[in-house]
C-alpha atoms as a PDB file:
ATOM      1  CA  MET A   1       0.132  -0.142   0.076  1.00  0.00           C
ATOM      2  CA  PHE A   2       1.217   3.427  -0.925  1.00  0.00           C
ATOM      3  CA  ARG A   3       1.377   6.225   1.727  1.00  0.00           C
ATOM      4  CA  LEU A   4      -0.512   9.297   0.175  1.00  0.00           C
ATOM      5  CA  SER A   5       0.354  12.689   0.961  1.00  0.00           C
ATOM      6  CA  VAL A   6      -1.203  16.061  -0.454  1.00  0.00           C
ATOM      7  CA  CYS A   7       0.519  19.278  -0.718  1.00  0.00           C
ATOM      8  CA  ALA A   8      -0.840  22.407   1.192  1.00  0.00           C
ATOM      9  CA  GLU A   9       0.420  24.933  -1.697  1.00  0.00           C
ATOM     10  CA  THR A  10      -1.498  23.563  -4.329  1.00  0.00           C
ATOM     11  CA  VAL A  11      -4.668  22.156  -2.539  1.00  0.00           C
ATOM     12  CA  PHE A  12      -7.102  24.343  -0.925  1.00  0.00           C
ATOM     13  CA  SER A  13      -5.230  27.480  -1.984  1.00  0.00           C
ATOM     14  CA  ARG A  14      -7.753  29.913  -1.293  1.00  0.00           C
ATOM     15  CA  LEU A  15      -7.589  29.156   2.336  1.00  0.00           C
ATOM     16  CA  PRO A  16      -5.227  30.244   4.937  1.00  0.00           C
ATOM     17  CA  PHE A  17      -2.269  28.060   5.220  1.00  0.00           C
ATOM     18  CA  LEU A  18      -3.189  26.069   8.607  1.00  0.00           C
ATOM     19  CA  GLU A  19      -6.787  25.739   7.293  1.00  0.00           C
ATOM     20  CA  ARG A  20      -5.623  23.679   3.965  1.00  0.00           C
ATOM     21  CA  ALA A  21      -3.099  21.726   6.150  1.00  0.00           C
ATOM     22  CA  ARG A  22      -5.996  20.769   8.866  1.00  0.00           C
ATOM     23  CA  ARG A  23      -8.401  19.908   6.088  1.00  0.00           C
ATOM     24  CA  ILE A  24      -5.922  17.540   4.144  1.00  0.00           C
ATOM     25  CA  SER A  25      -5.089  16.085   7.261  1.00  0.00           C
ATOM     26  CA  ARG A  26      -8.622  15.565   8.434  1.00  0.00           C
ATOM     27  CA  ALA A  27      -9.191  13.374   5.109  1.00  0.00           C
ATOM     28  CA  GLY A  28      -6.843  10.990   5.758  1.00  0.00           C
ATOM     29  CA  PHE A  29      -3.665  12.316   4.226  1.00  0.00           C
ATOM     30  CA  LEU A  30       0.008  13.545   5.184  1.00  0.00           C
ATOM     31  CA  VAL A  31       0.500  17.200   4.359  1.00  0.00           C
ATOM     32  CA  GLU A  32       3.412  18.322   2.268  1.00  0.00           C
ATOM     33  CA  PHE A  33       4.589  22.037   1.852  1.00  0.00           C
ATOM     34  CA  TRP A  34       7.348  23.977   0.355  1.00  0.00           C
ATOM     35  CA  ARG A  35       9.193  26.881   2.579  1.00  0.00           C
ATOM     36  CA  ARG A  36       6.782  27.408   5.385  1.00  0.00           C
ATOM     37  CA  GLU A  37       8.506  28.223   8.596  1.00  0.00           C
ATOM     38  CA  GLY A  38       8.219  29.959  11.990  1.00  0.00           C
ATOM     39  CA  GLU A  39       4.372  30.354  13.558  1.00  0.00           C
ATOM     40  CA  GLU A  40       3.080  28.018  10.669  1.00  0.00           C
ATOM     41  CA  VAL A  41       5.480  25.445  11.513  1.00  0.00           C
ATOM     42  CA  GLU A  42       4.818  25.531  15.028  1.00  0.00           C
ATOM     43  CA  ALA A  43       1.269  25.245  14.639  1.00  0.00           C
ATOM     44  CA  LEU A  44       1.629  22.241  12.688  1.00  0.00           C
ATOM     45  CA  ALA A  45       3.637  20.446  15.135  1.00  0.00           C
ATOM     46  CA  ALA A  46       1.254  21.633  18.275  1.00  0.00           C
ATOM     47  CA  GLY A  47      -1.761  20.357  16.021  1.00  0.00           C
ATOM     48  CA  GLY A  48       0.033  17.122  15.453  1.00  0.00           C
ATOM     49  CA  ILE A  49      -0.664  17.202  11.729  1.00  0.00           C
ATOM     50  CA  ARG A  50       1.621  14.702   9.991  1.00  0.00           C
ATOM     51  CA  VAL A  51       3.936  15.924   7.740  1.00  0.00           C
ATOM     52  CA  GLY A  52       4.758  13.606   4.883  1.00  0.00           C
ATOM     53  CA  THR A  53       7.580  15.918   3.160  1.00  0.00           C
ATOM     54  CA  MET A  54       8.819  19.411   3.037  1.00  0.00           C
ATOM     55  CA  SER A  55      11.615  21.632   1.279  1.00  0.00           C
ATOM     56  CA  GLY A  56      15.095  20.528   2.336  1.00  0.00           C
ATOM     57  CA  SER A  57      16.634  23.899   1.204  1.00  0.00           C
ATOM     58  CA  ASP A  58      15.645  26.792  -0.363  1.00  0.00           C
ATOM     59  CA  GLU A  59      18.853  29.255  -0.794  1.00  0.00           C
ATOM     60  CA  GLY A  60      22.100  28.970  -3.182  1.00  0.00           C
ATOM     61  CA  SER A  61      22.725  26.147  -5.336  1.00  0.00           C
ATOM     62  CA  MET A  62      24.605  22.524  -5.296  1.00  0.00           C
ATOM     63  CA  MET A  63      25.604  23.077  -9.055  1.00  0.00           C
ATOM     64  CA  HIS A  64      27.845  26.358  -8.473  1.00  0.00           C
ATOM     65  CA  PRO A  65      30.572  26.634  -6.295  1.00  0.00           C
ATOM     66  CA  GLY A  66      29.185  30.401  -5.431  1.00  0.00           C
ATOM     67  CA  GLY A  67      25.799  28.998  -4.014  1.00  0.00           C
ATOM     68  CA  VAL A  68      27.254  25.960  -2.041  1.00  0.00           C
ATOM     69  CA  ALA A  69      27.530  27.543   1.248  1.00  0.00           C
ATOM     70  CA  ALA A  70      24.037  29.246   1.328  1.00  0.00           C
ATOM     71  CA  PHE A  71      22.734  25.960   0.053  1.00  0.00           C
ATOM     72  CA  LEU A  72      24.140  24.039   2.902  1.00  0.00           C
ATOM     73  CA  GLN A  73      22.997  26.670   5.220  1.00  0.00           C
ATOM     74  CA  GLY A  74      19.175  26.158   4.107  1.00  0.00           C
ATOM     75  CA  VAL A  75      19.405  22.342   4.676  1.00  0.00           C
ATOM     76  CA  GLU A  76      20.842  22.683   8.197  1.00  0.00           C
ATOM     77  CA  ARG A  77      18.280  25.377   8.965  1.00  0.00           C
ATOM     78  CA  ARG A  78      15.269  23.326   7.689  1.00  0.00           C
ATOM     79  CA  LEU A  79      16.482  20.079   9.186  1.00  0.00           C
ATOM     80  CA  GLY A  80      15.901  21.994  12.481  1.00  0.00           C
ATOM     81  CA  LEU A  81      12.222  22.601  11.164  1.00  0.00           C
ATOM     82  CA  ALA A  82      11.901  18.932   9.977  1.00  0.00           C
ATOM     83  CA  GLN A  83      12.756  17.512  13.434  1.00  0.00           C
ATOM     84  CA  ARG A  84      10.543  19.962  15.231  1.00  0.00           C
ATOM     85  CA  LEU A  85       7.701  18.360  13.131  1.00  0.00           C
ATOM     86  CA  GLY A  86       9.167  14.735  12.820  1.00  0.00           C
ATOM     87  CA  CYS A  87       9.504  14.842   9.373  1.00  0.00           C
ATOM     88  CA  ARG A  88      11.980  12.570   8.151  1.00  0.00           C
ATOM     89  CA  GLU A  89      11.538  12.782   4.185  1.00  0.00           C
ATOM     90  CA  LEU A  90      12.549  16.247   2.551  1.00  0.00           C
ATOM     91  CA  ASN A  91      12.492  16.953  -1.060  1.00  0.00           C
ATOM     92  CA  LEU A  92      15.353  18.517  -2.625  1.00  0.00           C
ATOM     93  CA  LEU A  93      15.986  20.979  -5.541  1.00  0.00           C
ATOM     94  CA  ALA A  94      19.260  21.635  -7.258  1.00  0.00           C
ATOM     95  CA  ASN A  95      19.061  25.606  -6.564  1.00  0.00           C
ATOM     96  CA  ALA A  96      16.423  28.042  -5.398  1.00  0.00           C
ATOM     97  CA  LEU A  97      13.829  29.059  -7.423  1.00  0.00           C
ATOM     98  CA  ALA A  98      12.485  32.393  -8.389  1.00  0.00           C
ATOM     99  CA  GLU A  99       8.997  33.508  -7.717  1.00  0.00           C
ATOM    100  CA  ASN A 100       8.157  32.625 -11.665  1.00  0.00           C
ATOM    101  CA  GLY A 101       9.475  29.386 -11.321  1.00  0.00           C
ATOM    102  CA  ALA A 102      12.807  30.046 -13.468  1.00  0.00           C
ATOM    103  CA  SER A 103      16.236  28.931 -11.435  1.00  0.00           C
ATOM    104  CA  GLY A 104      16.793  31.573  -8.873  1.00  0.00           C
ATOM    105  CA  HIS A 105      20.643  30.898  -8.950  1.00  0.00           C
ATOM    106  CA  PRO A 106      22.801  29.816 -12.259  1.00  0.00           C
ATOM    107  CA  ALA A 107      24.696  26.687 -12.209  1.00  0.00           C
ATOM    108  CA  ALA A 108      28.439  26.659 -12.808  1.00  0.00           C
ATOM    109  CA  PRO A 109      28.947  27.642 -16.549  1.00  0.00           C
ATOM    110  CA  HIS A 110      31.436  24.615 -17.301  1.00  0.00           C
ATOM    111  CA  PRO A 111      29.715  21.504 -16.798  1.00  0.00           C
ATOM    112  CA  ALA A 112      32.818  19.539 -15.285  1.00  0.00           C
ATOM    113  CA  THR A 113      32.759  22.302 -12.443  1.00  0.00           C
ATOM    114  CA  MET A 114      28.691  21.734 -12.271  1.00  0.00           C
ATOM    115  CA  TRP A 115      28.604  18.317 -11.725  1.00  0.00           C
ATOM    116  CA  ILE A 116      31.997  17.965  -9.565  1.00  0.00           C
ATOM    117  CA  THR A 117      30.095  20.583  -7.442  1.00  0.00           C
ATOM    118  CA  ALA A 118      26.824  18.912  -7.254  1.00  0.00           C
ATOM    119  CA  TYR A 119      28.402  15.653  -6.511  1.00  0.00           C
ATOM    120  CA  THR A 120      30.656  17.075  -3.529  1.00  0.00           C
ATOM    121  CA  THR A 121      27.949  18.952  -2.372  1.00  0.00           C
ATOM    122  CA  LEU A 122      25.247  16.359  -2.256  1.00  0.00           C
ATOM    123  CA  SER A 123      28.103  14.145  -0.414  1.00  0.00           C
ATOM    124  CA  GLN A 124      27.847  16.513   2.455  1.00  0.00           C
ATOM    125  CA  VAL A 125      23.880  16.326   2.453  1.00  0.00           C
ATOM    126  CA  ALA A 126      24.247  12.717   2.736  1.00  0.00           C
ATOM    127  CA  GLU A 127      26.595  13.238   5.937  1.00  0.00           C
ATOM    128  CA  LEU A 128      24.136  15.345   7.393  1.00  0.00           C
ATOM    129  CA  ALA A 129      21.212  13.083   6.511  1.00  0.00           C
ATOM    130  CA  GLU A 130      22.694   9.924   8.305  1.00  0.00           C
ATOM    131  CA  GLN A 131      23.667  12.217  11.418  1.00  0.00           C
ATOM    132  CA  HIS A 132      19.894  13.685  11.578  1.00  0.00           C
ATOM    133  CA  ASP A 133      18.201  10.305  10.390  1.00  0.00           C
ATOM    134  CA  VAL A 134      16.441  11.810   7.281  1.00  0.00           C
ATOM    135  CA  ILE A 135      16.133  11.059   3.920  1.00  0.00           C
ATOM    136  CA  TYR A 136      16.603  13.507   1.003  1.00  0.00           C
ATOM    137  CA  ASN A 137      14.460  12.971  -2.629  1.00  0.00           C
ATOM    138  CA  LEU A 138      16.520  15.191  -5.222  1.00  0.00           C
ATOM    139  CA  GLU A 139      13.711  16.243  -7.819  1.00  0.00           C
ATOM    140  CA  PRO A 140      14.326  16.646 -11.582  1.00  0.00           C
ATOM    141  CA  LEU A 141      12.254  19.571 -13.041  1.00  0.00           C
ATOM    142  CA  ASN A 142      10.914  20.190 -16.224  1.00  0.00           C
ATOM    143  CA  ALA A 143      12.920  23.124 -17.965  1.00  0.00           C
ATOM    144  CA  LYS A 144      10.441  23.057 -20.975  1.00  0.00           C
ATOM    145  CA  LEU A 145       7.513  24.840 -19.550  1.00  0.00           C
ATOM    146  CA  ASP A 146       7.684  25.589 -15.524  1.00  0.00           C
ATOM    147  CA  HIS A 147      11.351  25.718 -14.949  1.00  0.00           C
ATOM    148  CA  PRO A 148      13.490  27.329 -17.203  1.00  0.00           C
ATOM    149  CA  GLY A 149      17.231  27.096 -16.875  1.00  0.00           C
ATOM    150  CA  TYR A 150      16.802  24.010 -13.871  1.00  0.00           C
ATOM    151  CA  PRO A 151      20.127  22.215 -14.138  1.00  0.00           C
ATOM    152  CA  LEU A 152      18.550  18.769 -13.683  1.00  0.00           C
ATOM    153  CA  PRO A 153      15.540  18.343 -16.035  1.00  0.00           C
ATOM    154  CA  ARG A 154      15.811  14.720 -17.061  1.00  0.00           C
ATOM    155  CA  VAL A 155      14.852  11.816 -14.593  1.00  0.00           C
ATOM    156  CA  GLU A 156      18.583  10.309 -15.385  1.00  0.00           C
ATOM    157  CA  ASP A 157      20.469  13.245 -14.405  1.00  0.00           C
ATOM    158  CA  VAL A 158      19.509  12.818 -10.784  1.00  0.00           C
ATOM    159  CA  VAL A 159      19.986   9.066 -11.055  1.00  0.00           C
ATOM    160  CA  ARG A 160      23.566   9.418 -11.679  1.00  0.00           C
ATOM    161  CA  LEU A 161      24.168  11.605  -8.970  1.00  0.00           C
ATOM    162  CA  VAL A 162      22.382   9.921  -6.730  1.00  0.00           C
ATOM    163  CA  GLU A 163      24.199   6.448  -8.117  1.00  0.00           C
ATOM    164  CA  LYS A 164      27.511   8.420  -7.331  1.00  0.00           C
ATOM    165  CA  VAL A 165      26.950   9.564  -3.877  1.00  0.00           C
ATOM    166  CA  GLY A 166      25.896   6.016  -3.381  1.00  0.00           C
ATOM    167  CA  SER A 167      24.002   6.812   0.002  1.00  0.00           C
ATOM    168  CA  PRO A 168      20.908   5.252   0.893  1.00  0.00           C
ATOM    169  CA  ARG A 169      19.756   8.594   2.108  1.00  0.00           C
ATOM    170  CA  ILE A 170      19.973  10.409  -1.029  1.00  0.00           C
ATOM    171  CA  LYS A 171      17.245   9.159  -3.315  1.00  0.00           C
ATOM    172  CA  LEU A 172      15.224  10.161  -6.463  1.00  0.00           C
ATOM    173  CA  LEU A 173      11.787  12.292  -5.967  1.00  0.00           C
ATOM    174  CA  PHE A 174      10.086  10.775  -9.426  1.00  0.00           C
ATOM    175  CA  ASP A 175       7.753  13.588 -10.344  1.00  0.00           C
ATOM    176  CA  VAL A 176       5.246  12.083 -13.231  1.00  0.00           C
ATOM    177  CA  TYR A 177       4.162  15.627 -14.200  1.00  0.00           C
ATOM    178  CA  HIS A 178       7.696  16.835 -14.683  1.00  0.00           C
ATOM    179  CA  ALA A 179       8.769  13.749 -16.342  1.00  0.00           C
ATOM    180  CA  GLN A 180       5.872  13.754 -18.912  1.00  0.00           C
ATOM    181  CA  VAL A 181       6.433  17.146 -19.999  1.00  0.00           C
ATOM    182  CA  GLN A 182      10.541  17.082 -20.188  1.00  0.00           C
ATOM    183  CA  GLU A 183      10.582  13.382 -21.570  1.00  0.00           C
ATOM    184  CA  GLY A 184       7.417  11.203 -21.728  1.00  0.00           C
ATOM    185  CA  ASN A 185       7.609   7.621 -21.332  1.00  0.00           C
ATOM    186  CA  VAL A 186       6.985   7.822 -17.684  1.00  0.00           C
ATOM    187  CA  ILE A 187       6.070   3.822 -17.191  1.00  0.00           C
ATOM    188  CA  GLN A 188       9.333   3.175 -18.714  1.00  0.00           C
ATOM    189  CA  LEU A 189      11.321   5.557 -16.692  1.00  0.00           C
ATOM    190  CA  ILE A 190       9.584   3.557 -13.672  1.00  0.00           C
ATOM    191  CA  ARG A 191      11.075   0.310 -14.970  1.00  0.00           C
ATOM    192  CA  ASP A 192      14.404   1.731 -15.586  1.00  0.00           C
ATOM    193  CA  PHE A 193      14.847   3.595 -12.340  1.00  0.00           C
ATOM    194  CA  HIS A 194      12.448   2.439  -9.932  1.00  0.00           C
ATOM    195  CA  SER A 195      15.445   1.151  -7.415  1.00  0.00           C
ATOM    196  CA  TYR A 196      16.474   4.804  -6.874  1.00  0.00           C
ATOM    197  CA  ILE A 197      13.095   6.448  -6.394  1.00  0.00           C
ATOM    198  CA  GLY A 198      12.417   7.449  -2.693  1.00  0.00           C
ATOM    199  CA  TYR A 199       9.214   9.696  -3.266  1.00  0.00           C
ATOM    200  CA  VAL A 200       6.524  10.399  -5.894  1.00  0.00           C
ATOM    201  CA  HIS A 201       4.471  13.485  -7.232  1.00  0.00           C
ATOM    202  CA  VAL A 202       1.820  13.314  -9.506  1.00  0.00           C
ATOM    203  CA  ALA A 203      -0.065  15.678 -11.444  1.00  0.00           C
ATOM    204  CA  ASP A 204      -1.655  15.392 -14.986  1.00  0.00           C
ATOM    205  CA  VAL A 205      -0.474  16.989 -18.258  1.00  0.00           C
ATOM    206  CA  PRO A 206      -1.441  19.294 -19.335  1.00  0.00           C
ATOM    207  CA  GLY A 207      -2.805  21.865 -16.951  1.00  0.00           C
ATOM    208  CA  ARG A 208      -0.980  20.366 -13.599  1.00  0.00           C
ATOM    209  CA  HIS A 209      -4.234  19.197 -12.416  1.00  0.00           C
ATOM    210  CA  GLU A 210      -5.052  15.945 -10.515  1.00  0.00           C
ATOM    211  CA  PRO A 211      -4.922  12.576 -12.001  1.00  0.00           C
ATOM    212  CA  GLY A 212      -7.681  11.690 -14.384  1.00  0.00           C
ATOM    213  CA  THR A 213      -7.994  15.159 -16.332  1.00  0.00           C
ATOM    214  CA  GLY A 214      -5.353  14.910 -18.890  1.00  0.00           C
ATOM    215  CA  GLU A 215      -3.518  12.673 -21.095  1.00  0.00           C
ATOM    216  CA  ILE A 216      -1.305  10.568 -18.396  1.00  0.00           C
ATOM    217  CA  ASN A 217      -2.788   7.022 -17.667  1.00  0.00           C
ATOM    218  CA  TYR A 218      -2.412   7.012 -14.174  1.00  0.00           C
ATOM    219  CA  PRO A 219      -3.984   3.924 -13.142  1.00  0.00           C
ATOM    220  CA  GLN A 220      -1.050   2.586 -15.305  1.00  0.00           C
ATOM    221  CA  VAL A 221       1.290   4.582 -13.662  1.00  0.00           C
ATOM    222  CA  ALA A 222       0.113   3.270 -10.375  1.00  0.00           C
ATOM    223  CA  LYS A 223       0.072  -0.234 -11.557  1.00  0.00           C
ATOM    224  CA  ALA A 224       3.796   0.336 -12.769  1.00  0.00           C
ATOM    225  CA  LEU A 225       5.173   1.513  -9.519  1.00  0.00           C
ATOM    226  CA  MET A 226       3.280  -1.580  -7.699  1.00  0.00           C
ATOM    227  CA  GLN A 227       4.931  -4.096 -10.010  1.00  0.00           C
ATOM    228  CA  ALA A 228       8.564  -2.307  -9.120  1.00  0.00           C
ATOM    229  CA  GLY A 229       7.851  -3.083  -5.721  1.00  0.00           C
ATOM    230  CA  TYR A 230       7.578   0.598  -4.755  1.00  0.00           C
ATOM    231  CA  ASP A 231       5.778   1.092  -1.283  1.00  0.00           C
ATOM    232  CA  GLY A 232       6.707   4.437  -0.616  1.00  0.00           C
ATOM    233  CA  ALA A 233       4.742   8.065  -0.458  1.00  0.00           C
ATOM    234  CA  ILE A 234       2.668   9.429  -3.538  1.00  0.00           C
ATOM    235  CA  GLY A 235       2.065  13.131  -3.169  1.00  0.00           C
ATOM    236  CA  LEU A 236      -0.842  14.743  -4.993  1.00  0.00           C
ATOM    237  CA  GLU A 237       1.267  17.909  -5.835  1.00  0.00           C
ATOM    238  CA  ALA A 238      -1.424  19.100  -8.475  1.00  0.00           C
ATOM    239  CA  PHE A 239      -4.005  22.208  -8.542  1.00  0.00           C
ATOM    240  CA  PRO A 240      -7.492  20.942  -8.686  1.00  0.00           C
ATOM    241  CA  ALA A 241      -9.329  21.702 -11.957  1.00  0.00           C
ATOM    242  CA  SER A 242     -12.596  22.563  -9.949  1.00  0.00           C
ATOM    243  CA  ASP A 243     -13.156  21.233  -6.424  1.00  0.00           C
ATOM    244  CA  ASP A 244     -10.604  20.294  -3.961  1.00  0.00           C
ATOM    245  CA  ALA A 245     -11.973  17.709  -2.110  1.00  0.00           C
ATOM    246  CA  GLU A 246     -12.989  15.824  -5.813  1.00  0.00           C
ATOM    247  CA  ALA A 247      -9.539  16.213  -6.538  1.00  0.00           C
ATOM    248  CA  MET A 248      -8.411  14.446  -3.356  1.00  0.00           C
ATOM    249  CA  ARG A 249     -10.967  11.902  -3.890  1.00  0.00           C
ATOM    250  CA  ARG A 250      -9.857  10.960  -7.328  1.00  0.00           C
ATOM    251  CA  PHE A 251      -6.287  10.835  -6.183  1.00  0.00           C
ATOM    252  CA  ARG A 252      -7.043   8.281  -3.399  1.00  0.00           C
ATOM    253  CA  GLU A 253      -9.104   6.362  -5.945  1.00  0.00           C
ATOM    254  CA  ILE A 254      -6.351   5.718  -8.313  1.00  0.00           C
ATOM    255  CA  PHE A 255      -3.448   4.964  -5.841  1.00  0.00           C
ATOM    256  CA  THR A 256      -5.495   2.916  -3.274  1.00  0.00           C
ATOM    257  CA  ILE A 257      -4.571  -0.415  -4.693  1.00  0.00           C
ATOM    258  CA  GLN A 258      -5.173  -3.567  -2.943  1.00  0.00           C
ATOM    259  CA  GLU A 259      -2.471  -6.162  -3.449  1.00  0.00           C
END
């Protein structure tokens, strides 16, 4: 059985953040969020709301020497928030994002520098993860539509980094929406790289609405994940096409699979 989570940044977006989280939690899902901190995090902890994942750093870059210090400072700061919430899985981006979704920090201009910097930085993150008993899931984002300039747009980009670091604490966040936009052929990607997957995000194409509203055959995606032996979390990171509760219902229906 998959563990199901819902992103409070995209669902019930017209409500205050804490009310979004409460509604998601009352519906029986884990809660995901991005860059929240301070009083909002304290309120989540006080309310006993179970958090599936959260952003692991929102500063700097792991792929440019000039951005590494800020990136690692962000990792350490958000580790404290994760511990406060009892959250053991964090999602990681290659660099901070600008408000419009574009990369907020450039990658190193020379490919060798970029990849060596990414490897050494991610290795340091793996050490921190071991010390704090957490797992980081590194996410490829599509650079075609939503995140121009993002330096890890393809699933295999992340897989090769994760493979080289060689830590069970560093895994792939497989986002079906981003993979479909950037590459397509998501079923084959799951078959090829399932052993690296630590977390899954879902939304449909086009529109980034809930599964069942677009071109992706999500029942087949769910089946492929199950057949590959994946039994981790599936997160709804989608903007509901109309009704938020209905979007969560459809999501649960697709990914509640009886073995």
